[in-house]
Structures are given as C-alpha cells and as structure tokens.
Amino acid sequence: MTWNTADMSEYGADAAHRIRSFAEDAKSTAADMRSRSSDAIGRGADWASKKTSDLDATSRELIGSMSDAVSARPVLAVGIALLAGYLLFQLFSRD
C-alpha cells in the first residue's frame, strides 16, 4: 500500500478546515445563547422590580387604610386585637 503525501496533506487541510468551521459555529452559537440568556435575565429582573414596586405600593396603601380605620374607631380596634389574641391562644394552647 502506498501513501500519497499530496492526498494526505489535502485530507489534513480538509479536516483542519472542518474543525475550524465547527469551532466557529460553536462559538457563534454560544454567543447567541449568551445574548438570549442575558435578555431573558434582564426581562426577569425588570418584571421582579415592577412586581416589587407594585407590592410596596399595595402594602403602603393597606397600611394607610388600616391606620385610618384604627384612628376612626380605636376602641373597636383594641377589641378586635384582644379577640384575635384570645383565639390564637385557644388555637395553640395544649390541654
């Protein structure tokens, strides 16, 4: 069996070209995936920030309305607090 060095060089060059092409495709795919994941993470962070702001506004609104209700009827508020405390005591006490 005889080896033709010209053919072997051509096969080697072809293999090197295919490997370079594969590596470039992989690099391009990785960069595209990195870009997509960065976009997704950015959108997720924006969504979480908006939801946090909404929750903060809702909680401030609730606290304000509760404060107004307690200021309007302080005796009723104290009675409700005592009743809630008694019910929790009865719920968690062990007999």
PDB file of N, CA and C in Angstrom:
ATOM      1  N   MET A   1       0.848  -1.156   0.000  1.00  0.00           N
ATOM      2  CA  MET A   1       0.000   0.000   0.000  1.00  0.00           C
ATOM      3  C   MET A   1       0.902   1.230   0.000  1.00  0.00           C
ATOM      4  N   THR A   2       0.626   2.117  -0.899  1.00  0.00           N
ATOM      5  CA  THR A   2       1.444   3.326  -0.982  1.00  0.00           C
ATOM      6  C   THR A   2       0.633   4.519  -0.508  1.00  0.00           C
ATOM      7  N   TRP A   3       1.332   5.377   0.169  1.00  0.00           N
ATOM      8  CA  TRP A   3       0.714   6.581   0.700  1.00  0.00           C
ATOM      9  C   TRP A   3       1.084   7.763  -0.176  1.00  0.00           C
ATOM     10  N   ASN A   4       0.103   8.461  -0.610  1.00  0.00           N
ATOM     11  CA  ASN A   4       0.341   9.637  -1.420  1.00  0.00           C
ATOM     12  C   ASN A   4       0.354  10.834  -0.478  1.00  0.00           C
ATOM     13  N   THR A   5       1.485  11.463  -0.349  1.00  0.00           N
ATOM     14  CA  THR A   5       1.615  12.573   0.603  1.00  0.00           C
ATOM     15  C   THR A   5       0.772  13.778   0.208  1.00  0.00           C
ATOM     16  N   ALA A   6       0.555  13.959  -1.072  1.00  0.00           N
ATOM     17  CA  ALA A   6      -0.279  15.086  -1.507  1.00  0.00           C
ATOM     18  C   ALA A   6      -1.720  14.880  -1.039  1.00  0.00           C
ATOM     19  N   ASP A   7      -2.208  13.625  -1.183  1.00  0.00           N
ATOM     20  CA  ASP A   7      -3.570  13.325  -0.725  1.00  0.00           C
ATOM     21  C   ASP A   7      -3.666  13.479   0.792  1.00  0.00           C
ATOM     22  N   MET A   8      -2.651  13.022   1.501  1.00  0.00           N
ATOM     23  CA  MET A   8      -2.669  13.117   2.964  1.00  0.00           C
ATOM     24  C   MET A   8      -2.681  14.582   3.408  1.00  0.00           C
ATOM     25  N   SER A   9      -1.926  15.422   2.755  1.00  0.00           N
ATOM     26  CA  SER A   9      -1.917  16.845   3.077  1.00  0.00           C
ATOM     27  C   SER A   9      -3.279  17.460   2.806  1.00  0.00           C
ATOM     28  N   GLU A  10      -3.896  17.033   1.717  1.00  0.00           N
ATOM     29  CA  GLU A  10      -5.222  17.544   1.378  1.00  0.00           C
ATOM     30  C   GLU A  10      -6.258  17.099   2.425  1.00  0.00           C
ATOM     31  N   TYR A  11      -6.182  15.834   2.839  1.00  0.00           N
ATOM     32  CA  TYR A  11      -7.087  15.341   3.883  1.00  0.00           C
ATOM     33  C   TYR A  11      -6.871  16.091   5.195  1.00  0.00           C
ATOM     34  N   GLY A  12      -5.631  16.339   5.526  1.00  0.00           N
ATOM     35  CA  GLY A  12      -5.315  17.070   6.750  1.00  0.00           C
ATOM     36  C   GLY A  12      -5.833  18.501   6.690  1.00  0.00           C
ATOM     37  N   ALA A  13      -5.654  19.149   5.551  1.00  0.00           N
ATOM     38  CA  ALA A  13      -6.136  20.521   5.393  1.00  0.00           C
ATOM     39  C   ALA A  13      -7.661  20.559   5.460  1.00  0.00           C
ATOM     40  N   ASP A  14      -8.314  19.561   4.835  1.00  0.00           N
ATOM     41  CA  ASP A  14      -9.769  19.481   4.855  1.00  0.00           C
ATOM     42  C   ASP A  14     -10.277  19.262   6.293  1.00  0.00           C
ATOM     43  N   ALA A  15      -9.623  18.386   7.023  1.00  0.00           N
ATOM     44  CA  ALA A  15     -10.016  18.130   8.418  1.00  0.00           C
ATOM     45  C   ALA A  15      -9.825  19.378   9.260  1.00  0.00           C
ATOM     46  N   ALA A  16      -8.727  20.073   9.070  1.00  0.00           N
ATOM     47  CA  ALA A  16      -8.473  21.301   9.818  1.00  0.00           C
ATOM     48  C   ALA A  16      -9.530  22.352   9.496  1.00  0.00           C
ATOM     49  N   HIS A  17      -9.910  22.442   8.216  1.00  0.00           N
ATOM     50  CA  HIS A  17     -10.941  23.395   7.808  1.00  0.00           C
ATOM     51  C   HIS A  17     -12.280  23.053   8.462  1.00  0.00           C
ATOM     52  N   ARG A  18     -12.627  21.779   8.473  1.00  0.00           N
ATOM     53  CA  ARG A  18     -13.888  21.358   9.099  1.00  0.00           C
ATOM     54  C   ARG A  18     -13.879  21.640  10.597  1.00  0.00           C
ATOM     55  N   ILE A  19     -12.768  21.394  11.258  1.00  0.00           N
ATOM     56  CA  ILE A  19     -12.668  21.647  12.695  1.00  0.00           C
ATOM     57  C   ILE A  19     -12.797  23.143  12.973  1.00  0.00           C
ATOM     58  N   ARG A  20     -12.112  23.975  12.163  1.00  0.00           N
ATOM     59  CA  ARG A  20     -12.230  25.425  12.338  1.00  0.00           C
ATOM     60  C   ARG A  20     -13.668  25.887  12.119  1.00  0.00           C
ATOM     61  N   SER A  21     -14.312  25.340  11.099  1.00  0.00           N
ATOM     62  CA  SER A  21     -15.694  25.698  10.804  1.00  0.00           C
ATOM     63  C   SER A  21     -16.610  25.312  11.965  1.00  0.00           C
ATOM     64  N   PHE A  22     -16.409  24.102  12.491  1.00  0.00           N
ATOM     65  CA  PHE A  22     -17.198  23.643  13.632  1.00  0.00           C
ATOM     66  C   PHE A  22     -16.968  24.537  14.843  1.00  0.00           C
ATOM     67  N   ALA A  23     -15.720  24.894  15.091  1.00  0.00           N
ATOM     68  CA  ALA A  23     -15.389  25.739  16.234  1.00  0.00           C
ATOM     69  C   ALA A  23     -16.024  27.127  16.083  1.00  0.00           C
ATOM     70  N   GLU A  24     -16.007  27.673  14.878  1.00  0.00           N
ATOM     71  CA  GLU A  24     -16.619  28.985  14.646  1.00  0.00           C
ATOM     72  C   GLU A  24     -18.127  28.912  14.835  1.00  0.00           C
ATOM     73  N   ASP A  25     -18.758  27.837  14.347  1.00  0.00           N
ATOM     74  CA  ASP A  25     -20.195  27.666  14.545  1.00  0.00           C
ATOM     75  C   ASP A  25     -20.535  27.543  16.023  1.00  0.00           C
ATOM     76  N   ALA A  26     -19.743  26.778  16.748  1.00  0.00           N
ATOM     77  CA  ALA A  26     -19.975  26.604  18.184  1.00  0.00           C
ATOM     78  C   ALA A  26     -19.803  27.935  18.910  1.00  0.00           C
ATOM     79  N   LYS A  27     -18.792  28.693  18.528  1.00  0.00           N
ATOM     80  CA  LYS A  27     -18.552  29.995  19.152  1.00  0.00           C
ATOM     81  C   LYS A  27     -19.719  30.942  18.870  1.00  0.00           C
ATOM     82  N   SER A  28     -20.210  30.946  17.650  1.00  0.00           N
ATOM     83  CA  SER A  28     -21.342  31.788  17.279  1.00  0.00           C
ATOM     84  C   SER A  28     -22.601  31.379  18.043  1.00  0.00           C
ATOM     85  N   THR A  29     -22.821  30.075  18.146  1.00  0.00           N
ATOM     86  CA  THR A  29     -23.986  29.578  18.878  1.00  0.00           C
ATOM     87  C   THR A  29     -23.889  29.950  20.355  1.00  0.00           C
ATOM     88  N   ALA A  30     -22.720  29.820  20.935  1.00  0.00           N
ATOM     89  CA  ALA A  30     -22.528  30.173  22.345  1.00  0.00           C
ATOM     90  C   ALA A  30     -22.775  31.664  22.565  1.00  0.00           C
ATOM     91  N   ALA A  31     -22.296  32.499  21.662  1.00  0.00           N
ATOM     92  CA  ALA A  31     -22.512  33.946  21.791  1.00  0.00           C
ATOM     93  C   ALA A  31     -23.995  34.276  21.670  1.00  0.00           C
ATOM     94  N   ASP A  32     -24.690  33.605  20.759  1.00  0.00           N
ATOM     95  CA  ASP A  32     -26.119  33.822  20.588  1.00  0.00           C
ATOM     96  C   ASP A  32     -26.885  33.390  21.836  1.00  0.00           C
ATOM     97  N   MET A  33     -26.513  32.252  22.400  1.00  0.00           N
ATOM     98  CA  MET A  33     -27.163  31.762  23.618  1.00  0.00           C
ATOM     99  C   MET A  33     -26.904  32.706  24.788  1.00  0.00           C
ATOM    100  N   ARG A  34     -25.680  33.211  24.888  1.00  0.00           N
ATOM    101  CA  ARG A  34     -25.336  34.152  25.951  1.00  0.00           C
ATOM    102  C   ARG A  34     -26.180  35.420  25.814  1.00  0.00           C
ATOM    103  N   SER A  35     -26.350  35.901  24.594  1.00  0.00           N
ATOM    104  CA  SER A  35     -27.151  37.097  24.359  1.00  0.00           C
ATOM    105  C   SER A  35     -28.608  36.856  24.732  1.00  0.00           C
ATOM    106  N   ARG A  36     -29.136  35.709  24.330  1.00  0.00           N
ATOM    107  CA  ARG A  36     -30.532  35.392  24.649  1.00  0.00           C
ATOM    108  C   ARG A  36     -30.738  35.241  26.153  1.00  0.00           C
ATOM    109  N   SER A  37     -29.809  34.576  26.825  1.00  0.00           N
ATOM    110  CA  SER A  37     -29.962  34.394  28.266  1.00  0.00           C
ATOM    111  C   SER A  37     -29.832  35.730  28.989  1.00  0.00           C
ATOM    112  N   SER A  38     -28.952  36.604  28.516  1.00  0.00           N
ATOM    113  CA  SER A  38     -28.827  37.933  29.123  1.00  0.00           C
ATOM    114  C   SER A  38     -30.121  38.713  28.960  1.00  0.00           C
ATOM    115  N   ASP A  39     -30.737  38.614  27.775  1.00  0.00           N
ATOM    116  CA  ASP A  39     -32.012  39.286  27.547  1.00  0.00           C
ATOM    117  C   ASP A  39     -33.089  38.732  28.475  1.00  0.00           C
ATOM    118  N   ALA A  40     -33.128  37.412  28.607  1.00  0.00           N
ATOM    119  CA  ALA A  40     -34.137  36.784  29.465  1.00  0.00           C
ATOM    120  C   ALA A  40     -33.923  37.170  30.925  1.00  0.00           C
ATOM    121  N   ILE A  41     -32.695  37.186  31.362  1.00  0.00           N
ATOM    122  CA  ILE A  41     -32.398  37.575  32.746  1.00  0.00           C
ATOM    123  C   ILE A  41     -32.770  39.039  32.962  1.00  0.00           C
ATOM    124  N   GLY A  42     -32.490  39.868  31.989  1.00  0.00           N
ATOM    125  CA  GLY A  42     -32.846  41.290  32.090  1.00  0.00           C
ATOM    126  C   GLY A  42     -34.349  41.483  32.177  1.00  0.00           C
ATOM    127  N   ARG A  43     -35.097  40.740  31.346  1.00  0.00           N
ATOM    128  CA  ARG A  43     -36.559  40.841  31.399  1.00  0.00           C
ATOM    129  C   ARG A  43     -37.083  40.336  32.742  1.00  0.00           C
ATOM    130  N   GLY A  44     -36.488  39.262  33.236  1.00  0.00           N
ATOM    131  CA  GLY A  44     -36.904  38.733  34.540  1.00  0.00           C
ATOM    132  C   GLY A  44     -36.636  39.719  35.664  1.00  0.00           C
ATOM    133  N   ALA A  45     -35.497  40.369  35.612  1.00  0.00           N
ATOM    134  CA  ALA A  45     -35.163  41.365  36.638  1.00  0.00           C
ATOM    135  C   ALA A  45     -36.108  42.560  36.559  1.00  0.00           C
ATOM    136  N   ASP A  46     -36.444  42.985  35.343  1.00  0.00           N
ATOM    137  CA  ASP A  46     -37.390  44.092  35.179  1.00  0.00           C
ATOM    138  C   ASP A  46     -38.760  43.717  35.734  1.00  0.00           C
ATOM    139  N   TRP A  47     -39.209  42.489  35.433  1.00  0.00           N
ATOM    140  CA  TRP A  47     -40.506  42.016  35.927  1.00  0.00           C
ATOM    141  C   TRP A  47     -40.505  41.987  37.457  1.00  0.00           C
ATOM    142  N   ALA A  48     -39.441  41.437  38.044  1.00  0.00           N
ATOM    143  CA  ALA A  48     -39.365  41.346  39.503  1.00  0.00           C
ATOM    144  C   ALA A  48     -39.347  42.738  40.139  1.00  0.00           C
ATOM    145  N   SER A  49     -38.645  43.658  39.533  1.00  0.00           N
ATOM    146  CA  SER A  49     -38.592  45.022  40.049  1.00  0.00           C
ATOM    147  C   SER A  49     -39.971  45.675  40.000  1.00  0.00           C
ATOM    148  N   LYS A  50     -40.687  45.480  38.896  1.00  0.00           N
ATOM    149  CA  LYS A  50     -42.032  46.048  38.776  1.00  0.00           C
ATOM    150  C   LYS A  50     -42.965  45.437  39.807  1.00  0.00           C
ATOM    151  N   LYS A  51     -42.910  44.127  39.972  1.00  0.00           N
ATOM    152  CA  LYS A  51     -43.782  43.461  40.943  1.00  0.00           C
ATOM    153  C   LYS A  51     -43.445  43.907  42.368  1.00  0.00           C
ATOM    154  N   THR A  52     -42.172  44.113  42.655  1.00  0.00           N
ATOM    155  CA  THR A  52     -41.766  44.596  43.977  1.00  0.00           C
ATOM    156  C   THR A  52     -42.312  45.997  44.221  1.00  0.00           C
ATOM    157  N   SER A  53     -42.229  46.839  43.212  1.00  0.00           N
ATOM    158  CA  SER A  53     -42.777  48.200  43.338  1.00  0.00           C
ATOM    159  C   SER A  53     -44.288  48.158  43.540  1.00  0.00           C
ATOM    160  N   ASP A  54     -44.975  47.288  42.788  1.00  0.00           N
ATOM    161  CA  ASP A  54     -46.423  47.152  42.943  1.00  0.00           C
ATOM    162  C   ASP A  54     -46.779  46.665  44.346  1.00  0.00           C
ATOM    163  N   LEU A  55     -46.037  45.689  44.831  1.00  0.00           N
ATOM    164  CA  LEU A  55     -46.299  45.154  46.165  1.00  0.00           C
ATOM    165  C   LEU A  55     -46.043  46.215  47.236  1.00  0.00           C
ATOM    166  N   ASP A  56     -44.988  46.983  47.058  1.00  0.00           N
ATOM    167  CA  ASP A  56     -44.673  48.052  48.009  1.00  0.00           C
ATOM    168  C   ASP A  56     -45.798  49.084  48.034  1.00  0.00           C
ATOM    169  N   ALA A  57     -46.286  49.464  46.868  1.00  0.00           N
ATOM    170  CA  ALA A  57     -47.374  50.444  46.803  1.00  0.00           C
ATOM    171  C   ALA A  57     -48.641  49.886  47.440  1.00  0.00           C
ATOM    172  N   THR A  58     -48.943  48.618  47.165  1.00  0.00           N
ATOM    173  CA  THR A  58     -50.140  47.996  47.745  1.00  0.00           C
ATOM    174  C   THR A  58     -50.037  47.906  49.259  1.00  0.00           C
ATOM    175  N   SER A  59     -48.867  47.529  49.768  1.00  0.00           N
ATOM    176  CA  SER A  59     -48.709  47.415  51.218  1.00  0.00           C
ATOM    177  C   SER A  59     -48.805  48.784  51.891  1.00  0.00           C
ATOM    178  N   ARG A  60     -48.248  49.805  51.267  1.00  0.00           N
ATOM    179  CA  ARG A  60     -48.361  51.163  51.831  1.00  0.00           C
ATOM    180  C   ARG A  60     -49.828  51.621  51.853  1.00  0.00           C
ATOM    181  N   GLU A  61     -50.551  51.273  50.792  1.00  0.00           N
ATOM    182  CA  GLU A  61     -51.965  51.619  50.716  1.00  0.00           C
ATOM    183  C   GLU A  61     -52.751  50.900  51.813  1.00  0.00           C
ATOM    184  N   LEU A  62     -52.474  49.633  52.016  1.00  0.00           N
ATOM    185  CA  LEU A  62     -53.149  48.846  53.040  1.00  0.00           C
ATOM    186  C   LEU A  62     -52.837  49.372  54.440  1.00  0.00           C
ATOM    187  N   ILE A  63     -51.580  49.677  54.687  1.00  0.00           N
ATOM    188  CA  ILE A  63     -51.188  50.220  55.992  1.00  0.00           C
ATOM    189  C   ILE A  63     -51.877  51.557  56.241  1.00  0.00           C
ATOM    190  N   GLY A  64     -51.951  52.384  55.202  1.00  0.00           N
ATOM    191  CA  GLY A  64     -52.633  53.678  55.343  1.00  0.00           C
ATOM    192  C   GLY A  64     -54.107  53.514  55.669  1.00  0.00           C
ATOM    193  N   SER A  65     -54.778  52.592  54.975  1.00  0.00           N
ATOM    194  CA  SER A  65     -56.205  52.402  55.240  1.00  0.00           C
ATOM    195  C   SER A  65     -56.436  51.784  56.620  1.00  0.00           C
ATOM    196  N   MET A  66     -55.563  50.875  57.052  1.00  0.00           N
ATOM    197  CA  MET A  66     -55.691  50.300  58.397  1.00  0.00           C
ATOM    198  C   MET A  66     -55.455  51.374  59.464  1.00  0.00           C
ATOM    199  N   SER A  67     -54.497  52.223  59.230  1.00  0.00           N
ATOM    200  CA  SER A  67     -54.211  53.304  60.172  1.00  0.00           C
ATOM    201  C   SER A  67     -55.411  54.242  60.289  1.00  0.00           C
ATOM    202  N   ASP A  68     -56.039  54.543  59.153  1.00  0.00           N
ATOM    203  CA  ASP A  68     -57.231  55.397  59.165  1.00  0.00           C
ATOM    204  C   ASP A  68     -58.373  54.726  59.929  1.00  0.00           C
ATOM    205  N   ALA A  69     -58.544  53.413  59.717  1.00  0.00           N
ATOM    206  CA  ALA A  69     -59.621  52.683  60.389  1.00  0.00           C
ATOM    207  C   ALA A  69     -59.390  52.643  61.899  1.00  0.00           C
ATOM    208  N   VAL A  70     -58.157  52.422  62.320  1.00  0.00           N
ATOM    209  CA  VAL A  70     -57.841  52.376  63.753  1.00  0.00           C
ATOM    210  C   VAL A  70     -58.014  53.759  64.368  1.00  0.00           C
ATOM    211  N   SER A  71     -57.634  54.800  63.651  1.00  0.00           N
ATOM    212  CA  SER A  71     -57.799  56.172  64.160  1.00  0.00           C
ATOM    213  C   SER A  71     -59.275  56.535  64.286  1.00  0.00           C
ATOM    214  N   ALA A  72     -60.092  56.035  63.365  1.00  0.00           N
ATOM    215  CA  ALA A  72     -61.513  56.358  63.398  1.00  0.00           C
ATOM    216  C   ALA A  72     -62.228  55.640  64.541  1.00  0.00           C
ATOM    217  N   ARG A  73     -61.842  54.398  64.843  1.00  0.00           N
ATOM    218  CA  ARG A  73     -62.506  53.606  65.889  1.00  0.00           C
ATOM    219  C   ARG A  73     -61.463  52.864  66.731  1.00  0.00           C
ATOM    220  N   PRO A  74     -60.800  53.565  67.627  1.00  0.00           N
ATOM    221  CA  PRO A  74     -59.729  52.920  68.397  1.00  0.00           C
ATOM    222  C   PRO A  74     -60.229  51.836  69.357  1.00  0.00           C
ATOM    223  N   VAL A  75     -61.390  52.018  69.931  1.00  0.00           N
ATOM    224  CA  VAL A  75     -61.911  51.023  70.876  1.00  0.00           C
ATOM    225  C   VAL A  75     -62.222  49.725  70.141  1.00  0.00           C
ATOM    226  N   LEU A  76     -62.835  49.837  68.981  1.00  0.00           N
ATOM    227  CA  LEU A  76     -63.130  48.651  68.177  1.00  0.00           C
ATOM    228  C   LEU A  76     -61.841  47.935  67.774  1.00  0.00           C
ATOM    229  N   ALA A  77     -60.814  48.694  67.403  1.00  0.00           N
ATOM    230  CA  ALA A  77     -59.527  48.099  67.009  1.00  0.00           C
ATOM    231  C   ALA A  77     -58.906  47.325  68.169  1.00  0.00           C
ATOM    232  N   VAL A  78     -58.957  47.885  69.366  1.00  0.00           N
ATOM    233  CA  VAL A  78     -58.411  47.196  70.544  1.00  0.00           C
ATOM    234  C   VAL A  78     -59.228  45.936  70.820  1.00  0.00           C
ATOM    235  N   GLY A  79     -60.549  46.005  70.709  1.00  0.00           N
ATOM    236  CA  GLY A  79     -61.400  44.830  70.914  1.00  0.00           C
ATOM    237  C   GLY A  79     -61.096  43.722  69.917  1.00  0.00           C
ATOM    238  N   ILE A  80     -60.925  44.080  68.661  1.00  0.00           N
ATOM    239  CA  ILE A  80     -60.592  43.077  67.634  1.00  0.00           C
ATOM    240  C   ILE A  80     -59.232  42.458  67.920  1.00  0.00           C
ATOM    241  N   ALA A  81     -58.267  43.261  68.341  1.00  0.00           N
ATOM    242  CA  ALA A  81     -56.932  42.738  68.667  1.00  0.00           C
ATOM    243  C   ALA A  81     -56.998  41.775  69.840  1.00  0.00           C
ATOM    244  N   LEU A  82     -57.788  42.112  70.871  1.00  0.00           N
ATOM    245  CA  LEU A  82     -57.937  41.216  72.031  1.00  0.00           C
ATOM    246  C   LEU A  82     -58.618  39.910  71.632  1.00  0.00           C
ATOM    247  N   LEU A  83     -59.648  40.000  70.804  1.00  0.00           N
ATOM    248  CA  LEU A  83     -60.342  38.796  70.342  1.00  0.00           C
ATOM    249  C   LEU A  83     -59.409  37.914  69.517  1.00  0.00           C
ATOM    250  N   ALA A  84     -58.629  38.516  68.634  1.00  0.00           N
ATOM    251  CA  ALA A  84     -57.686  37.747  67.811  1.00  0.00           C
ATOM    252  C   ALA A  84     -56.637  37.075  68.692  1.00  0.00           C
ATOM    253  N   GLY A  85     -56.142  37.785  69.693  1.00  0.00           N
ATOM    254  CA  GLY A  85     -55.164  37.206  70.613  1.00  0.00           C
ATOM    255  C   GLY A  85     -55.745  36.039  71.386  1.00  0.00           C
ATOM    256  N   TYR A  86     -56.972  36.188  71.863  1.00  0.00           N
ATOM    257  CA  TYR A  86     -57.632  35.105  72.602  1.00  0.00           C
ATOM    258  C   TYR A  86     -57.823  33.878  71.706  1.00  0.00           C
ATOM    259  N   LEU A  87     -58.282  34.101  70.462  1.00  0.00           N
ATOM    260  CA  LEU A  87     -58.482  32.973  69.539  1.00  0.00           C
ATOM    261  C   LEU A  87     -57.166  32.262  69.219  1.00  0.00           C
ATOM    262  N   LEU A  88     -56.105  33.019  69.039  1.00  0.00           N
ATOM    263  CA  LEU A  88     -54.788  32.405  68.787  1.00  0.00           C
ATOM    264  C   LEU A  88     -54.318  31.626  70.003  1.00  0.00           C
ATOM    265  N   PHE A  89     -54.564  32.168  71.191  1.00  0.00           N
ATOM    266  CA  PHE A  89     -54.198  31.453  72.421  1.00  0.00           C
ATOM    267  C   PHE A  89     -54.950  30.135  72.500  1.00  0.00           C
ATOM    268  N   GLN A  90     -56.237  30.152  72.239  1.00  0.00           N
ATOM    269  CA  GLN A  90     -57.046  28.937  72.289  1.00  0.00           C
ATOM    270  C   GLN A  90     -56.605  27.941  71.212  1.00  0.00           C
ATOM    271  N   LEU A  91     -56.220  28.444  70.081  1.00  0.00           N
ATOM    272  CA  LEU A  91     -55.801  27.572  68.964  1.00  0.00           C
ATOM    273  C   LEU A  91     -54.489  26.858  69.269  1.00  0.00           C
ATOM    274  N   PHE A  92     -53.555  27.565  69.881  1.00  0.00           N
ATOM    275  CA  PHE A  92     -52.223  26.983  70.103  1.00  0.00           C
ATOM    276  C   PHE A  92     -51.970  26.454  71.514  1.00  0.00           C
ATOM    277  N   SER A  93     -52.918  26.638  72.416  1.00  0.00           N
ATOM    278  CA  SER A  93     -52.685  26.116  73.777  1.00  0.00           C
ATOM    279  C   SER A  93     -52.928  24.608  73.798  1.00  0.00           C
ATOM    280  N   ARG A  94     -52.155  23.940  74.623  1.00  0.00           N
ATOM    281  CA  ARG A  94     -52.272  22.475  74.705  1.00  0.00           C
ATOM    282  C   ARG A  94     -52.943  22.109  76.032  1.00  0.00           C
ATOM    283  N   ASP A  95     -54.005  21.388  75.902  1.00  0.00           N
ATOM    284  CA  ASP A  95     -54.708  20.903  77.108  1.00  0.00           C
ATOM    285  C   ASP A  95     -54.729  19.395  77.127  1.00  0.00           C
TER     286      ASP A  95
END
